[in-house]
C-alpha cells in the first residue's frame, strides 16, 4: 500500500470524508498515515468547495492507536519520539466542521483524533479507551487537556488513570461522544449532520465560532464578552448576517460565501 492509500478522501455535497485505510491493522496509526491525514485535512480546509469533514475508519476499526510495530521499535530505542511537522492536535486548527464517525475500536492516538473533532458519533460496536497507562505511558498529545474539557475532571481522571474500555452507550452518557447510533446507520447519521451544516451554516461563522469556543476554554468571561462584541467587525460577518436573515425571510436556502485558502 502506498503512502497515498493509507488515508482515502472522497468529496460530495460540500463534505469531504477522510477514511483511515489500514483495515488489516484496524487502522493503527503510523507516521505515514499521520502525514497523509493532516495533508488532506489542510487541503480540505483550503478548498472553498468543502464546508465539513467527516473522519472514519475502514473495516471494523476506527484507530486503536499507534501501530504495535512502531511502539516496539520506539521501546527498543528507549522511547525515541517522532519529530512532527504538525502536532497531533492539528485537527483543532481546522476552520471547518469536523465530525468523527467512530465505527469501531478507538484508543490512544485514535481517541485524540476523535476528541479533536467538533462532533463525535459512535457506532454501538465502538469501544473507546485512552490506553496510555496500560502501555506504560503517561497520557500524551494533550489527552488530559482534551478529556477534562470534554467530560469533566472526574471522568477524565478515571479514563486516563484506568485506561479502561468504555462502550458507545456509556461514552454517550458521559459526553465522550455526542451520540451512540446503530452501526449500520453511523455513516448516514454523520454525513447527514455534516451535509446539513454545509448547506445551512455560514462557513465564516463556523470558523469564527470554532475559534471562539477554543479560546473560551482558557479566557475569562469578561474577555469572552468583549471578544463577542467585536465579532461585528470581523471580515464578512455583516454580509453573512444579511444573507442569513434575507434567506430566512424569503424561505430559501442561504447562499453564504465560502472560505478561501488560509493566509499562512
C-alpha atoms as a PDB file:
ATOM      1  CA  UNK A   1       0.000   0.000   0.000  1.00  0.00           C
ATOM      2  CA  UNK A   2       1.363   3.405  -0.991  1.00  0.00           C
ATOM      3  CA  UNK A   3       1.507   6.307   1.445  1.00  0.00           C
ATOM      4  CA  UNK A   4      -1.317   7.954  -0.522  1.00  0.00           C
ATOM      5  CA  UNK A   5      -3.604   4.969   0.130  1.00  0.00           C
ATOM      6  CA  UNK A   6      -3.316   4.894   3.927  1.00  0.00           C
ATOM      7  CA  UNK A   7      -5.966   7.647   4.100  1.00  0.00           C
ATOM      8  CA  UNK A   8      -8.690   7.929   1.466  1.00  0.00           C
ATOM      9  CA  UNK A   9     -10.533  11.145   0.585  1.00  0.00           C
ATOM     10  CA  UNK A  10     -13.941  11.474  -1.046  1.00  0.00           C
ATOM     11  CA  UNK A  11     -15.820  14.715  -1.616  1.00  0.00           C
ATOM     12  CA  UNK A  12     -19.568  15.108  -2.209  1.00  0.00           C
ATOM     13  CA  UNK A  13     -22.163  17.723  -1.321  1.00  0.00           C
ATOM     14  CA  UNK A  14     -19.704  20.076   0.338  1.00  0.00           C
ATOM     15  CA  UNK A  15     -18.386  17.315   2.624  1.00  0.00           C
ATOM     16  CA  UNK A  16     -15.016  15.569   2.461  1.00  0.00           C
ATOM     17  CA  UNK A  17     -14.896  12.105   4.016  1.00  0.00           C
ATOM     18  CA  UNK A  18     -11.448  11.020   5.207  1.00  0.00           C
ATOM     19  CA  UNK A  19     -11.122   7.278   5.806  1.00  0.00           C
ATOM     20  CA  UNK A  20      -8.182   5.840   7.733  1.00  0.00           C
ATOM     21  CA  UNK A  21      -7.333   2.905   5.487  1.00  0.00           C
ATOM     22  CA  UNK A  22      -5.250   0.155   7.073  1.00  0.00           C
ATOM     23  CA  UNK A  23      -8.099  -2.271   7.781  1.00  0.00           C
ATOM     24  CA  UNK A  24      -5.758  -5.256   8.120  1.00  0.00           C
ATOM     25  CA  UNK A  25      -4.240  -3.431  11.124  1.00  0.00           C
ATOM     26  CA  UNK A  26      -7.558  -1.974  12.374  1.00  0.00           C
ATOM     27  CA  UNK A  27      -6.230   1.365  11.042  1.00  0.00           C
ATOM     28  CA  UNK A  28      -3.393   1.535  13.541  1.00  0.00           C
ATOM     29  CA  UNK A  29      -1.522   4.834  13.296  1.00  0.00           C
ATOM     30  CA  UNK A  30       1.814   5.266  11.528  1.00  0.00           C
ATOM     31  CA  UNK A  31       3.972   8.262  10.665  1.00  0.00           C
ATOM     32  CA  UNK A  32       2.935   7.898   7.016  1.00  0.00           C
ATOM     33  CA  UNK A  33      -0.753   7.876   7.948  1.00  0.00           C
ATOM     34  CA  UNK A  34      -0.276  10.941  10.133  1.00  0.00           C
ATOM     35  CA  UNK A  35       1.381  12.990   7.406  1.00  0.00           C
ATOM     36  CA  UNK A  36      -1.184  11.940   4.778  1.00  0.00           C
ATOM     37  CA  UNK A  37      -4.127  12.588   7.106  1.00  0.00           C
ATOM     38  CA  UNK A  38      -3.056  16.097   8.051  1.00  0.00           C
ATOM     39  CA  UNK A  39      -2.142  16.918   4.438  1.00  0.00           C
ATOM     40  CA  UNK A  40      -5.697  16.001   3.425  1.00  0.00           C
ATOM     41  CA  UNK A  41      -7.170  17.976   6.333  1.00  0.00           C
ATOM     42  CA  UNK A  42      -5.206  21.046   5.216  1.00  0.00           C
ATOM     43  CA  UNK A  43      -6.283  20.551   1.595  1.00  0.00           C
ATOM     44  CA  UNK A  44      -9.927  20.354   2.660  1.00  0.00           C
ATOM     45  CA  UNK A  45      -9.516  23.429   4.868  1.00  0.00           C
ATOM     46  CA  UNK A  46      -8.171  25.399   1.883  1.00  0.00           C
ATOM     47  CA  UNK A  47     -10.790  24.119  -0.592  1.00  0.00           C
ATOM     48  CA  UNK A  48     -13.712  26.598  -0.968  1.00  0.00           C
ATOM     49  CA  UNK A  49     -15.975  23.736  -2.082  1.00  0.00           C
ATOM     50  CA  UNK A  50     -15.507  21.875   1.208  1.00  0.00           C
ATOM     51  CA  UNK A  51     -17.582  23.006   4.183  1.00  0.00           C
ATOM     52  CA  UNK A  52     -17.296  19.996   6.502  1.00  0.00           C
ATOM     53  CA  UNK A  53     -15.052  16.978   7.086  1.00  0.00           C
ATOM     54  CA  UNK A  54     -16.093  13.516   8.308  1.00  0.00           C
ATOM     55  CA  UNK A  55     -13.389  11.202   9.696  1.00  0.00           C
ATOM     56  CA  UNK A  56     -13.917   7.443   9.918  1.00  0.00           C
ATOM     57  CA  UNK A  57     -12.062   4.134   9.597  1.00  0.00           C
ATOM     58  CA  UNK A  58     -12.085   1.360   7.011  1.00  0.00           C
ATOM     59  CA  UNK A  59     -13.265  -2.068   8.086  1.00  0.00           C
ATOM     60  CA  UNK A  60     -14.000  -2.909  11.733  1.00  0.00           C
ATOM     61  CA  UNK A  61     -11.856  -0.314  13.497  1.00  0.00           C
ATOM     62  CA  UNK A  62     -11.581   3.449  13.790  1.00  0.00           C
ATOM     63  CA  UNK A  63      -7.999   3.622  15.099  1.00  0.00           C
ATOM     64  CA  UNK A  64      -6.600   1.684  18.106  1.00  0.00           C
ATOM     65  CA  UNK A  65      -3.605   3.996  18.472  1.00  0.00           C
ATOM     66  CA  UNK A  66      -0.034   3.722  17.249  1.00  0.00           C
ATOM     67  CA  UNK A  67       0.823   0.556  15.351  1.00  0.00           C
ATOM     68  CA  UNK A  68       2.379  -2.052  17.655  1.00  0.00           C
ATOM     69  CA  UNK A  69       5.424  -2.457  15.385  1.00  0.00           C
ATOM     70  CA  UNK A  70       6.173   1.260  15.734  1.00  0.00           C
ATOM     71  CA  UNK A  71       5.769   1.078  19.516  1.00  0.00           C
ATOM     72  CA  UNK A  72       8.135  -1.904  19.675  1.00  0.00           C
ATOM     73  CA  UNK A  73      10.748  -0.035  17.680  1.00  0.00           C
ATOM     74  CA  UNK A  74      10.471   3.038  19.873  1.00  0.00           C
ATOM     75  CA  UNK A  75      10.653   0.944  23.010  1.00  0.00           C
ATOM     76  CA  UNK A  76      13.856  -0.657  21.713  1.00  0.00           C
ATOM     77  CA  UNK A  77      15.191   2.850  21.074  1.00  0.00           C
ATOM     78  CA  UNK A  78      14.407   3.833  24.672  1.00  0.00           C
ATOM     79  CA  UNK A  79      11.296   5.768  23.828  1.00  0.00           C
ATOM     80  CA  UNK A  80      12.678   7.899  20.978  1.00  0.00           C
ATOM     81  CA  UNK A  81       9.915  10.212  19.785  1.00  0.00           C
ATOM     82  CA  UNK A  82       8.888  11.266  16.304  1.00  0.00           C
ATOM     83  CA  UNK A  83       9.734  14.799  15.230  1.00  0.00           C
ATOM     84  CA  UNK A  84       6.357  16.012  13.987  1.00  0.00           C
ATOM     85  CA  UNK A  85       5.700  18.584  11.284  1.00  0.00           C
ATOM     86  CA  UNK A  86       2.327  19.253  12.947  1.00  0.00           C
ATOM     87  CA  UNK A  87       1.094  18.414  16.455  1.00  0.00           C
ATOM     88  CA  UNK A  88      -1.311  15.506  16.957  1.00  0.00           C
ATOM     89  CA  UNK A  89      -3.934  18.104  17.860  1.00  0.00           C
ATOM     90  CA  UNK A  90      -3.553  19.796  14.454  1.00  0.00           C
ATOM     91  CA  UNK A  91      -7.183  18.999  13.627  1.00  0.00           C
ATOM     92  CA  UNK A  92      -8.225  21.614  16.204  1.00  0.00           C
ATOM     93  CA  UNK A  93      -6.856  24.313  13.898  1.00  0.00           C
ATOM     94  CA  UNK A  94      -9.173  23.334  11.025  1.00  0.00           C
ATOM     95  CA  UNK A  95     -11.643  26.143  10.324  1.00  0.00           C
ATOM     96  CA  UNK A  96     -14.391  23.835   9.086  1.00  0.00           C
ATOM     97  CA  UNK A  97     -16.763  21.498  10.887  1.00  0.00           C
ATOM     98  CA  UNK A  98     -15.126  18.160  11.697  1.00  0.00           C
ATOM     99  CA  UNK A  99     -17.193  15.080  12.554  1.00  0.00           C
ATOM    100  CA  UNK A 100     -15.827  11.768  13.831  1.00  0.00           C
ATOM    101  CA  UNK A 101     -17.769   8.671  12.784  1.00  0.00           C
ATOM    102  CA  UNK A 102     -16.274   6.153  15.218  1.00  0.00           C
ATOM    103  CA  UNK A 103     -17.032   2.786  13.666  1.00  0.00           C
ATOM    104  CA  UNK A 104     -15.013   0.501  15.956  1.00  0.00           C
ATOM    105  CA  UNK A 105     -12.047   0.382  18.301  1.00  0.00           C
ATOM    106  CA  UNK A 106     -10.776   3.862  19.210  1.00  0.00           C
ATOM    107  CA  UNK A 107      -7.853   4.287  21.613  1.00  0.00           C
ATOM    108  CA  UNK A 108      -4.639   6.217  22.183  1.00  0.00           C
ATOM    109  CA  UNK A 109      -3.894   8.429  19.192  1.00  0.00           C
ATOM    110  CA  UNK A 110      -7.203   7.346  17.665  1.00  0.00           C
ATOM    111  CA  UNK A 111      -9.039   8.808  20.654  1.00  0.00           C
ATOM    112  CA  UNK A 112      -7.004  12.032  20.368  1.00  0.00           C
ATOM    113  CA  UNK A 113      -8.081  12.378  16.720  1.00  0.00           C
ATOM    114  CA  UNK A 114     -11.714  11.809  17.704  1.00  0.00           C
ATOM    115  CA  UNK A 115     -11.504  14.310  20.585  1.00  0.00           C
ATOM    116  CA  UNK A 116     -10.087  16.933  18.219  1.00  0.00           C
ATOM    117  CA  UNK A 117     -13.203  16.637  16.040  1.00  0.00           C
ATOM    118  CA  UNK A 118     -16.016  19.066  16.788  1.00  0.00           C
ATOM    119  CA  UNK A 119     -18.725  16.390  16.959  1.00  0.00           C
ATOM    120  CA  UNK A 120     -18.458  12.635  17.568  1.00  0.00           C
ATOM    121  CA  UNK A 121     -20.898   9.862  16.669  1.00  0.00           C
ATOM    122  CA  UNK A 122     -20.069   6.301  17.737  1.00  0.00           C
ATOM    123  CA  UNK A 123     -21.340   3.019  16.386  1.00  0.00           C
ATOM    124  CA  UNK A 124     -22.812   0.725  19.009  1.00  0.00           C
ATOM    125  CA  UNK A 125     -19.917  -1.569  18.006  1.00  0.00           C
ATOM    126  CA  UNK A 126     -17.360   1.038  19.063  1.00  0.00           C
ATOM    127  CA  UNK A 127     -15.127   0.731  22.095  1.00  0.00           C
ATOM    128  CA  UNK A 128     -13.109   3.683  23.386  1.00  0.00           C
ATOM    129  CA  UNK A 129     -10.131   3.986  25.735  1.00  0.00           C
ATOM    130  CA  UNK A 130      -7.181   6.232  26.491  1.00  0.00           C
ATOM    131  CA  UNK A 131      -4.993   3.085  26.934  1.00  0.00           C
ATOM    132  CA  UNK A 132      -1.808   5.055  27.718  1.00  0.00           C
ATOM    133  CA  UNK A 133      -1.246   3.807  31.274  1.00  0.00           C
ATOM    134  CA  UNK A 134      -1.854   0.219  30.129  1.00  0.00           C
ATOM    135  CA  UNK A 135       1.075   0.609  27.719  1.00  0.00           C
ATOM    136  CA  UNK A 136       3.356   2.067  30.384  1.00  0.00           C
ATOM    137  CA  UNK A 137       2.903   5.607  29.129  1.00  0.00           C
ATOM    138  CA  UNK A 138       1.804   8.850  30.743  1.00  0.00           C
ATOM    139  CA  UNK A 139      -1.030  10.456  28.745  1.00  0.00           C
ATOM    140  CA  UNK A 140       0.308  12.033  25.568  1.00  0.00           C
ATOM    141  CA  UNK A 141      -0.749  14.602  22.968  1.00  0.00           C
ATOM    142  CA  UNK A 142      -2.824  16.733  25.317  1.00  0.00           C
ATOM    143  CA  UNK A 143      -5.115  13.863  26.305  1.00  0.00           C
ATOM    144  CA  UNK A 144      -5.741  15.256  29.789  1.00  0.00           C
ATOM    145  CA  UNK A 145      -6.454  18.756  28.489  1.00  0.00           C
ATOM    146  CA  UNK A 146      -8.863  17.449  25.850  1.00  0.00           C
ATOM    147  CA  UNK A 147     -10.663  14.973  28.080  1.00  0.00           C
ATOM    148  CA  UNK A 148     -11.092  17.346  31.024  1.00  0.00           C
ATOM    149  CA  UNK A 149     -12.821  19.840  28.765  1.00  0.00           C
ATOM    150  CA  UNK A 150     -14.925  17.150  27.110  1.00  0.00           C
ATOM    151  CA  UNK A 151     -16.161  15.039  30.033  1.00  0.00           C
ATOM    152  CA  UNK A 152     -15.102  16.975  33.155  1.00  0.00           C
ATOM    153  CA  UNK A 153     -12.270  16.455  35.611  1.00  0.00           C
ATOM    154  CA  UNK A 154     -13.677  13.423  37.450  1.00  0.00           C
ATOM    155  CA  UNK A 155     -14.419  11.335  34.385  1.00  0.00           C
ATOM    156  CA  UNK A 156     -11.222  12.434  32.656  1.00  0.00           C
ATOM    157  CA  UNK A 157      -9.212  11.285  35.680  1.00  0.00           C
ATOM    158  CA  UNK A 158     -10.984   7.923  35.626  1.00  0.00           C
ATOM    159  CA  UNK A 159     -10.433   7.356  31.898  1.00  0.00           C
ATOM    160  CA  UNK A 160      -6.797   8.430  31.950  1.00  0.00           C
ATOM    161  CA  UNK A 161      -5.649   6.649  35.116  1.00  0.00           C
ATOM    162  CA  UNK A 162      -7.520   3.397  34.499  1.00  0.00           C
ATOM    163  CA  UNK A 163      -7.124   3.229  30.719  1.00  0.00           C
ATOM    164  CA  UNK A 164     -10.330   1.181  30.820  1.00  0.00           C
ATOM    165  CA  UNK A 165     -12.531   0.495  27.809  1.00  0.00           C
ATOM    166  CA  UNK A 166     -15.994   2.047  27.571  1.00  0.00           C
ATOM    167  CA  UNK A 167     -18.748   1.147  25.130  1.00  0.00           C
ATOM    168  CA  UNK A 168     -20.535   3.597  22.875  1.00  0.00           C
ATOM    169  CA  UNK A 169     -23.630   3.975  25.069  1.00  0.00           C
ATOM    170  CA  UNK A 170     -21.560   4.720  28.178  1.00  0.00           C
ATOM    171  CA  UNK A 171     -19.378   7.085  26.141  1.00  0.00           C
ATOM    172  CA  UNK A 172     -22.525   8.982  25.096  1.00  0.00           C
ATOM    173  CA  UNK A 173     -23.803   9.117  28.684  1.00  0.00           C
ATOM    174  CA  UNK A 174     -20.565  10.681  29.927  1.00  0.00           C
ATOM    175  CA  UNK A 175     -20.332  13.091  26.973  1.00  0.00           C
ATOM    176  CA  UNK A 176     -17.286  11.464  25.403  1.00  0.00           C
ATOM    177  CA  UNK A 177     -19.315  11.175  22.187  1.00  0.00           C
ATOM    178  CA  UNK A 178     -22.392  13.138  21.174  1.00  0.00           C
ATOM    179  CA  UNK A 179     -24.486  10.075  20.379  1.00  0.00           C
ATOM    180  CA  UNK A 180     -24.317   6.296  20.016  1.00  0.00           C
ATOM    181  CA  UNK A 181     -26.086   5.006  16.908  1.00  0.00           C
ATOM    182  CA  UNK A 182     -26.735   1.646  15.278  1.00  0.00           C
ATOM    183  CA  UNK A 183     -23.649   0.507  13.380  1.00  0.00           C
ATOM    184  CA  UNK A 184     -25.424   0.339  10.010  1.00  0.00           C
ATOM    185  CA  UNK A 185     -26.672   3.918  10.449  1.00  0.00           C
ATOM    186  CA  UNK A 186     -23.388   5.502  11.564  1.00  0.00           C
ATOM    187  CA  UNK A 187     -22.230   6.990   8.271  1.00  0.00           C
ATOM    188  CA  UNK A 188     -25.730   8.118   7.359  1.00  0.00           C
ATOM    189  CA  UNK A 189     -26.063   9.978  10.668  1.00  0.00           C
ATOM    190  CA  UNK A 190     -22.587  11.524  10.448  1.00  0.00           C
ATOM    191  CA  UNK A 191     -22.919  12.552   6.804  1.00  0.00           C
ATOM    192  CA  UNK A 192     -26.459  13.911   7.250  1.00  0.00           C
ATOM    193  CA  UNK A 193     -25.233  16.064  10.125  1.00  0.00           C
ATOM    194  CA  UNK A 194     -22.252  17.324   8.107  1.00  0.00           C
ATOM    195  CA  UNK A 195     -24.357  17.991   4.996  1.00  0.00           C
ATOM    196  CA  UNK A 196     -26.935  19.938   6.996  1.00  0.00           C
ATOM    197  CA  UNK A 197     -24.218  22.228   8.373  1.00  0.00           C
ATOM    198  CA  UNK A 198     -22.592  22.505   4.928  1.00  0.00           C
ATOM    199  CA  UNK A 199     -25.894  23.540   3.339  1.00  0.00           C
ATOM    200  CA  UNK A 200     -27.273  25.865   6.006  1.00  0.00           C
ATOM    201  CA  UNK A 201     -24.452  27.416   8.056  1.00  0.00           C
ATOM    202  CA  UNK A 202     -22.111  30.233   7.064  1.00  0.00           C
ATOM    203  CA  UNK A 203     -18.527  28.959   6.673  1.00  0.00           C
ATOM    204  CA  UNK A 204     -17.069  32.152   8.135  1.00  0.00           C
ATOM    205  CA  UNK A 205     -19.437  31.975  11.099  1.00  0.00           C
ATOM    206  CA  UNK A 206     -18.394  28.343  11.689  1.00  0.00           C
ATOM    207  CA  UNK A 207     -14.723  29.326  11.593  1.00  0.00           C
ATOM    208  CA  UNK A 208     -15.274  32.253  13.969  1.00  0.00           C
ATOM    209  CA  UNK A 209     -17.374  30.101  16.315  1.00  0.00           C
ATOM    210  CA  UNK A 210     -14.723  27.374  16.428  1.00  0.00           C
ATOM    211  CA  UNK A 211     -12.031  29.899  17.240  1.00  0.00           C
ATOM    212  CA  UNK A 212     -14.165  31.437  19.986  1.00  0.00           C
ATOM    213  CA  UNK A 213     -15.057  28.064  21.513  1.00  0.00           C
ATOM    214  CA  UNK A 214     -11.395  27.082  21.670  1.00  0.00           C
ATOM    215  CA  UNK A 215     -10.352  30.440  23.116  1.00  0.00           C
ATOM    216  CA  UNK A 216     -13.143  30.324  25.704  1.00  0.00           C
ATOM    217  CA  UNK A 217     -11.508  27.302  27.324  1.00  0.00           C
ATOM    218  CA  UNK A 218      -8.748  29.492  28.706  1.00  0.00           C
ATOM    219  CA  UNK A 219     -10.064  33.082  28.831  1.00  0.00           C
ATOM    220  CA  UNK A 220     -12.200  34.884  31.354  1.00  0.00           C
ATOM    221  CA  UNK A 221     -15.908  35.580  30.936  1.00  0.00           C
ATOM    222  CA  UNK A 222     -15.173  39.296  30.621  1.00  0.00           C
ATOM    223  CA  UNK A 223     -12.702  38.637  27.806  1.00  0.00           C
ATOM    224  CA  UNK A 224     -15.209  36.343  26.108  1.00  0.00           C
ATOM    225  CA  UNK A 225     -17.897  39.044  26.320  1.00  0.00           C
ATOM    226  CA  UNK A 226     -15.531  41.647  24.904  1.00  0.00           C
ATOM    227  CA  UNK A 227     -14.463  39.473  22.003  1.00  0.00           C
ATOM    228  CA  UNK A 228     -18.081  38.500  21.263  1.00  0.00           C
ATOM    229  CA  UNK A 229     -18.953  42.191  20.963  1.00  0.00           C
ATOM    230  CA  UNK A 230     -16.097  42.620  18.485  1.00  0.00           C
ATOM    231  CA  UNK A 231     -17.479  39.931  16.159  1.00  0.00           C
ATOM    232  CA  UNK A 232     -19.384  42.518  14.135  1.00  0.00           C
ATOM    233  CA  UNK A 233     -16.123  43.973  12.890  1.00  0.00           C
ATOM    234  CA  UNK A 234     -14.821  40.664  11.554  1.00  0.00           C
ATOM    235  CA  UNK A 235     -14.474  40.257   7.774  1.00  0.00           C
ATOM    236  CA  UNK A 236     -17.648  39.026   6.111  1.00  0.00           C
ATOM    237  CA  UNK A 237     -19.738  38.931   9.274  1.00  0.00           C
ATOM    238  CA  UNK A 238     -22.162  41.677   8.214  1.00  0.00           C
ATOM    239  CA  UNK A 239     -22.614  40.136   4.768  1.00  0.00           C
ATOM    240  CA  UNK A 240     -23.268  36.674   6.204  1.00  0.00           C
ATOM    241  CA  UNK A 241     -25.728  38.079   8.735  1.00  0.00           C
ATOM    242  CA  UNK A 242     -27.594  39.917   5.993  1.00  0.00           C
ATOM    243  CA  UNK A 243     -27.795  36.752   3.861  1.00  0.00           C
ATOM    244  CA  UNK A 244     -28.853  34.644   6.838  1.00  0.00           C
ATOM    245  CA  UNK A 245     -31.772  36.951   7.627  1.00  0.00           C
ATOM    246  CA  UNK A 246     -32.751  37.506   3.976  1.00  0.00           C
ATOM    247  CA  UNK A 247     -32.787  33.804   3.149  1.00  0.00           C
ATOM    248  CA  UNK A 248     -34.831  33.083   6.286  1.00  0.00           C
ATOM    249  CA  UNK A 249     -37.421  35.748   5.421  1.00  0.00           C
ATOM    250  CA  UNK A 250     -37.511  34.642   1.769  1.00  0.00           C
ATOM    251  CA  UNK A 251     -37.814  30.984   2.831  1.00  0.00           C
ATOM    252  CA  UNK A 252     -34.982  29.865   0.568  1.00  0.00           C
ATOM    253  CA  UNK A 253     -31.652  28.098   1.150  1.00  0.00           C
ATOM    254  CA  UNK A 254     -28.882  30.509   2.165  1.00  0.00           C
ATOM    255  CA  UNK A 255     -26.098  31.394  -0.262  1.00  0.00           C
ATOM    256  CA  UNK A 256     -23.202  32.038   2.100  1.00  0.00           C
ATOM    257  CA  UNK A 257     -19.782  32.874   0.696  1.00  0.00           C
ATOM    258  CA  UNK A 258     -17.205  30.061   1.019  1.00  0.00           C
ATOM    259  CA  UNK A 259     -13.971  30.262   2.962  1.00  0.00           C
ATOM    260  CA  UNK A 260     -10.902  30.905   0.852  1.00  0.00           C
ATOM    261  CA  UNK A 261      -7.457  29.367   1.461  1.00  0.00           C
ATOM    262  CA  UNK A 262      -5.703  30.237   4.682  1.00  0.00           C
ATOM    263  CA  UNK A 263      -3.267  33.120   4.673  1.00  0.00           C
ATOM    264  CA  UNK A 264      -0.324  31.111   6.054  1.00  0.00           C
END
